[in-house]
Amino acid sequence: MEQLQSDISQLIQSFNESLKKHLPALSVEVEKLISEMITDKNTIENTLDVLLSLTMHGFADDLFIKLLEYYKTINADGALFYWNEYDADED
Protein backbone atom coordinates (compact mmCIF):
# COMPACT_ATOMS: atom_id res chain seq x y z
CA MET A 1 0.00 0.00 0.00
CA GLU A 2 2.85 2.41 0.79
CA GLN A 3 4.36 1.78 -2.63
CA LEU A 4 1.04 2.59 -4.29
CA GLN A 5 0.78 5.86 -2.35
CA SER A 6 4.35 6.73 -3.28
CA ASP A 7 3.69 5.97 -6.95
CA ILE A 8 0.54 8.10 -6.97
CA SER A 9 2.36 10.94 -5.23
CA GLN A 10 5.16 10.83 -7.80
CA LEU A 11 2.66 10.75 -10.65
CA ILE A 12 0.86 13.83 -9.30
CA GLN A 13 4.14 15.66 -8.78
CA SER A 14 5.21 14.86 -12.34
CA PHE A 15 1.86 16.05 -13.68
CA ASN A 16 2.14 19.33 -11.77
CA GLU A 17 5.67 19.91 -13.04
CA SER A 18 4.43 19.34 -16.58
CA LEU A 19 1.69 21.94 -16.10
CA LYS A 20 4.16 24.49 -14.74
CA LYS A 21 6.21 24.28 -17.93
CA HIS A 22 3.37 25.89 -19.89
CA LEU A 23 3.07 28.97 -17.68
CA PRO A 24 5.73 31.14 -19.39
CA ALA A 25 4.14 30.67 -22.82
CA LEU A 26 0.70 31.38 -21.41
CA SER A 27 2.00 34.51 -19.72
CA VAL A 28 3.32 35.75 -23.05
CA GLU A 29 -0.03 34.97 -24.69
CA VAL A 30 -1.98 36.88 -22.03
CA GLU A 31 0.35 39.89 -22.33
CA LYS A 32 -0.01 39.81 -26.12
CA LEU A 33 -3.82 39.68 -25.99
CA ILE A 34 -3.91 42.66 -23.66
CA SER A 35 -1.14 44.78 -25.17
CA GLU A 36 -2.43 44.31 -28.72
CA MET A 37 -5.95 44.97 -27.48
CA ILE A 38 -7.30 41.81 -29.08
CA THR A 39 -11.10 41.83 -29.00
CA ASP A 40 -11.83 38.49 -30.67
CA LYS A 41 -14.13 36.72 -28.22
CA ASN A 42 -13.15 33.21 -29.35
CA THR A 43 -9.43 33.85 -29.01
CA ILE A 44 -9.78 35.29 -25.52
CA GLU A 45 -12.22 32.62 -24.36
CA ASN A 46 -9.96 29.82 -25.62
CA THR A 47 -7.15 31.23 -23.52
CA LEU A 48 -9.47 31.70 -20.54
CA ASP A 49 -10.56 28.06 -20.88
CA VAL A 50 -6.97 26.86 -20.71
CA LEU A 51 -6.18 29.12 -17.77
CA LEU A 52 -9.35 28.12 -15.93
CA SER A 53 -8.42 24.46 -16.24
CA LEU A 54 -5.00 25.25 -14.80
CA THR A 55 -6.49 27.15 -11.86
CA MET A 56 -8.34 23.98 -10.95
CA HIS A 57 -4.91 22.40 -10.41
CA GLY A 58 -3.59 25.32 -8.40
CA PHE A 59 -1.77 27.18 -11.18
CA ALA A 60 -2.18 30.39 -13.20
CA ASP A 61 -4.72 32.17 -11.00
CA ASP A 62 -2.93 35.47 -11.54
CA LEU A 63 -2.90 35.07 -15.33
CA PHE A 64 -6.55 34.03 -15.37
CA ILE A 65 -7.64 37.05 -13.33
CA LYS A 66 -5.50 39.43 -15.38
CA LEU A 67 -7.02 38.27 -18.65
CA LEU A 68 -10.48 38.16 -17.11
CA GLU A 69 -10.18 41.80 -16.00
CA TYR A 70 -9.28 42.72 -19.57
CA TYR A 71 -12.09 40.59 -21.01
CA LYS A 72 -14.56 42.35 -18.72
CA THR A 73 -13.96 45.56 -20.69
CA ILE A 74 -14.91 43.75 -23.91
CA ASN A 75 -17.67 41.38 -22.86
CA ALA A 76 -19.00 41.88 -19.33
CA ASP A 77 -21.48 39.01 -19.54
CA GLY A 78 -18.84 36.60 -20.82
CA ALA A 79 -16.43 37.70 -18.11
CA LEU A 80 -19.11 37.14 -15.47
CA PHE A 81 -19.58 33.59 -16.70
CA TYR A 82 -15.85 32.89 -16.32
CA TRP A 83 -15.73 34.57 -12.91
CA ASN A 84 -18.60 32.38 -11.72
CA GLU A 85 -16.83 29.26 -12.98
CA TYR A 86 -13.64 30.32 -11.22
CA ASP A 87 -15.48 31.24 -8.04
CA ALA A 88 -17.36 27.91 -8.00
CA ASP A 89 -14.02 26.09 -8.10
CA GLU A 90 -12.74 28.12 -5.14
CA ASP A 91 -15.55 26.81 -2.91
C-alpha atoms as a PDB file:
ATOM      1  CA  MET A   1       0.000   0.000   0.000  1.00  0.00           C
ATOM      2  CA  GLU A   2       2.849   2.408   0.794  1.00  0.00           C
ATOM      3  CA  GLN A   3       4.360   1.775  -2.632  1.00  0.00           C
ATOM      4  CA  LEU A   4       1.038   2.591  -4.288  1.00  0.00           C
ATOM      5  CA  GLN A   5       0.781   5.858  -2.346  1.00  0.00           C
ATOM      6  CA  SER A   6       4.348   6.729  -3.276  1.00  0.00           C
ATOM      7  CA  ASP A   7       3.695   5.965  -6.954  1.00  0.00           C
ATOM      8  CA  ILE A   8       0.541   8.098  -6.966  1.00  0.00           C
ATOM      9  CA  SER A   9       2.358  10.945  -5.231  1.00  0.00           C
ATOM     10  CA  GLN A  10       5.164  10.830  -7.801  1.00  0.00           C
ATOM     11  CA  LEU A  11       2.658  10.750 -10.648  1.00  0.00           C
ATOM     12  CA  ILE A  12       0.857  13.828  -9.297  1.00  0.00           C
ATOM     13  CA  GLN A  13       4.142  15.657  -8.782  1.00  0.00           C
ATOM     14  CA  SER A  14       5.214  14.856 -12.340  1.00  0.00           C
ATOM     15  CA  PHE A  15       1.859  16.048 -13.683  1.00  0.00           C
ATOM     16  CA  ASN A  16       2.139  19.328 -11.767  1.00  0.00           C
ATOM     17  CA  GLU A  17       5.668  19.909 -13.040  1.00  0.00           C
ATOM     18  CA  SER A  18       4.428  19.337 -16.579  1.00  0.00           C
ATOM     19  CA  LEU A  19       1.688  21.936 -16.097  1.00  0.00           C
ATOM     20  CA  LYS A  20       4.161  24.490 -14.736  1.00  0.00           C
ATOM     21  CA  LYS A  21       6.214  24.281 -17.926  1.00  0.00           C
ATOM     22  CA  HIS A  22       3.367  25.893 -19.890  1.00  0.00           C
ATOM     23  CA  LEU A  23       3.073  28.970 -17.681  1.00  0.00           C
ATOM     24  CA  PRO A  24       5.731  31.141 -19.390  1.00  0.00           C
ATOM     25  CA  ALA A  25       4.136  30.673 -22.822  1.00  0.00           C
ATOM     26  CA  LEU A  26       0.698  31.381 -21.411  1.00  0.00           C
ATOM     27  CA  SER A  27       1.997  34.505 -19.716  1.00  0.00           C
ATOM     28  CA  VAL A  28       3.317  35.754 -23.054  1.00  0.00           C
ATOM     29  CA  GLU A  29      -0.030  34.971 -24.685  1.00  0.00           C
ATOM     30  CA  VAL A  30      -1.975  36.884 -22.026  1.00  0.00           C
ATOM     31  CA  GLU A  31       0.346  39.891 -22.328  1.00  0.00           C
ATOM     32  CA  LYS A  32      -0.013  39.812 -26.117  1.00  0.00           C
ATOM     33  CA  LEU A  33      -3.820  39.683 -25.988  1.00  0.00           C
ATOM     34  CA  ILE A  34      -3.906  42.659 -23.655  1.00  0.00           C
ATOM     35  CA  SER A  35      -1.137  44.776 -25.173  1.00  0.00           C
ATOM     36  CA  GLU A  36      -2.427  44.306 -28.718  1.00  0.00           C
ATOM     37  CA  MET A  37      -5.954  44.972 -27.476  1.00  0.00           C
ATOM     38  CA  ILE A  38      -7.301  41.813 -29.083  1.00  0.00           C
ATOM     39  CA  THR A  39     -11.097  41.830 -29.004  1.00  0.00           C
ATOM     40  CA  ASP A  40     -11.834  38.489 -30.673  1.00  0.00           C
ATOM     41  CA  LYS A  41     -14.130  36.716 -28.223  1.00  0.00           C
ATOM     42  CA  ASN A  42     -13.147  33.213 -29.346  1.00  0.00           C
ATOM     43  CA  THR A  43      -9.431  33.849 -29.010  1.00  0.00           C
ATOM     44  CA  ILE A  44      -9.785  35.290 -25.520  1.00  0.00           C
ATOM     45  CA  GLU A  45     -12.221  32.619 -24.363  1.00  0.00           C
ATOM     46  CA  ASN A  46      -9.965  29.820 -25.617  1.00  0.00           C
ATOM     47  CA  THR A  47      -7.148  31.226 -23.516  1.00  0.00           C
ATOM     48  CA  LEU A  48      -9.469  31.702 -20.539  1.00  0.00           C
ATOM     49  CA  ASP A  49     -10.563  28.062 -20.884  1.00  0.00           C
ATOM     50  CA  VAL A  50      -6.966  26.859 -20.707  1.00  0.00           C
ATOM     51  CA  LEU A  51      -6.181  29.125 -17.768  1.00  0.00           C
ATOM     52  CA  LEU A  52      -9.350  28.117 -15.933  1.00  0.00           C
ATOM     53  CA  SER A  53      -8.420  24.461 -16.239  1.00  0.00           C
ATOM     54  CA  LEU A  54      -5.001  25.250 -14.796  1.00  0.00           C
ATOM     55  CA  THR A  55      -6.489  27.150 -11.864  1.00  0.00           C
ATOM     56  CA  MET A  56      -8.339  23.976 -10.951  1.00  0.00           C
ATOM     57  CA  HIS A  57      -4.912  22.403 -10.413  1.00  0.00           C
ATOM     58  CA  GLY A  58      -3.592  25.325  -8.397  1.00  0.00           C
ATOM     59  CA  PHE A  59      -1.769  27.185 -11.177  1.00  0.00           C
ATOM     60  CA  ALA A  60      -2.182  30.386 -13.204  1.00  0.00           C
ATOM     61  CA  ASP A  61      -4.720  32.171 -10.996  1.00  0.00           C
ATOM     62  CA  ASP A  62      -2.933  35.474 -11.543  1.00  0.00           C
ATOM     63  CA  LEU A  63      -2.902  35.075 -15.334  1.00  0.00           C
ATOM     64  CA  PHE A  64      -6.546  34.034 -15.373  1.00  0.00           C
ATOM     65  CA  ILE A  65      -7.636  37.050 -13.334  1.00  0.00           C
ATOM     66  CA  LYS A  66      -5.495  39.429 -15.375  1.00  0.00           C
ATOM     67  CA  LEU A  67      -7.020  38.270 -18.651  1.00  0.00           C
ATOM     68  CA  LEU A  68     -10.479  38.164 -17.113  1.00  0.00           C
ATOM     69  CA  GLU A  69     -10.181  41.799 -15.997  1.00  0.00           C
ATOM     70  CA  TYR A  70      -9.282  42.723 -19.570  1.00  0.00           C
ATOM     71  CA  TYR A  71     -12.094  40.594 -21.006  1.00  0.00           C
ATOM     72  CA  LYS A  72     -14.559  42.347 -18.716  1.00  0.00           C
ATOM     73  CA  THR A  73     -13.955  45.557 -20.691  1.00  0.00           C
ATOM     74  CA  ILE A  74     -14.913  43.750 -23.911  1.00  0.00           C
ATOM     75  CA  ASN A  75     -17.670  41.376 -22.859  1.00  0.00           C
ATOM     76  CA  ALA A  76     -18.998  41.883 -19.331  1.00  0.00           C
ATOM     77  CA  ASP A  77     -21.478  39.007 -19.536  1.00  0.00           C
ATOM     78  CA  GLY A  78     -18.837  36.605 -20.820  1.00  0.00           C
ATOM     79  CA  ALA A  79     -16.431  37.698 -18.105  1.00  0.00           C
ATOM     80  CA  LEU A  80     -19.108  37.138 -15.467  1.00  0.00           C
ATOM     81  CA  PHE A  81     -19.582  33.585 -16.704  1.00  0.00           C
ATOM     82  CA  TYR A  82     -15.854  32.889 -16.320  1.00  0.00           C
ATOM     83  CA  TRP A  83     -15.733  34.569 -12.914  1.00  0.00           C
ATOM     84  CA  ASN A  84     -18.604  32.381 -11.716  1.00  0.00           C
ATOM     85  CA  GLU A  85     -16.828  29.256 -12.982  1.00  0.00           C
ATOM     86  CA  TYR A  86     -13.642  30.317 -11.219  1.00  0.00           C
ATOM     87  CA  ASP A  87     -15.483  31.238  -8.037  1.00  0.00           C
ATOM     88  CA  ALA A  88     -17.355  27.912  -7.998  1.00  0.00           C
ATOM     89  CA  ASP A  89     -14.022  26.094  -8.096  1.00  0.00           C
ATOM     90  CA  GLU A  90     -12.743  28.116  -5.143  1.00  0.00           C
ATOM     91  CA  ASP A  91     -15.550  26.814  -2.906  1.00  0.00           C
END
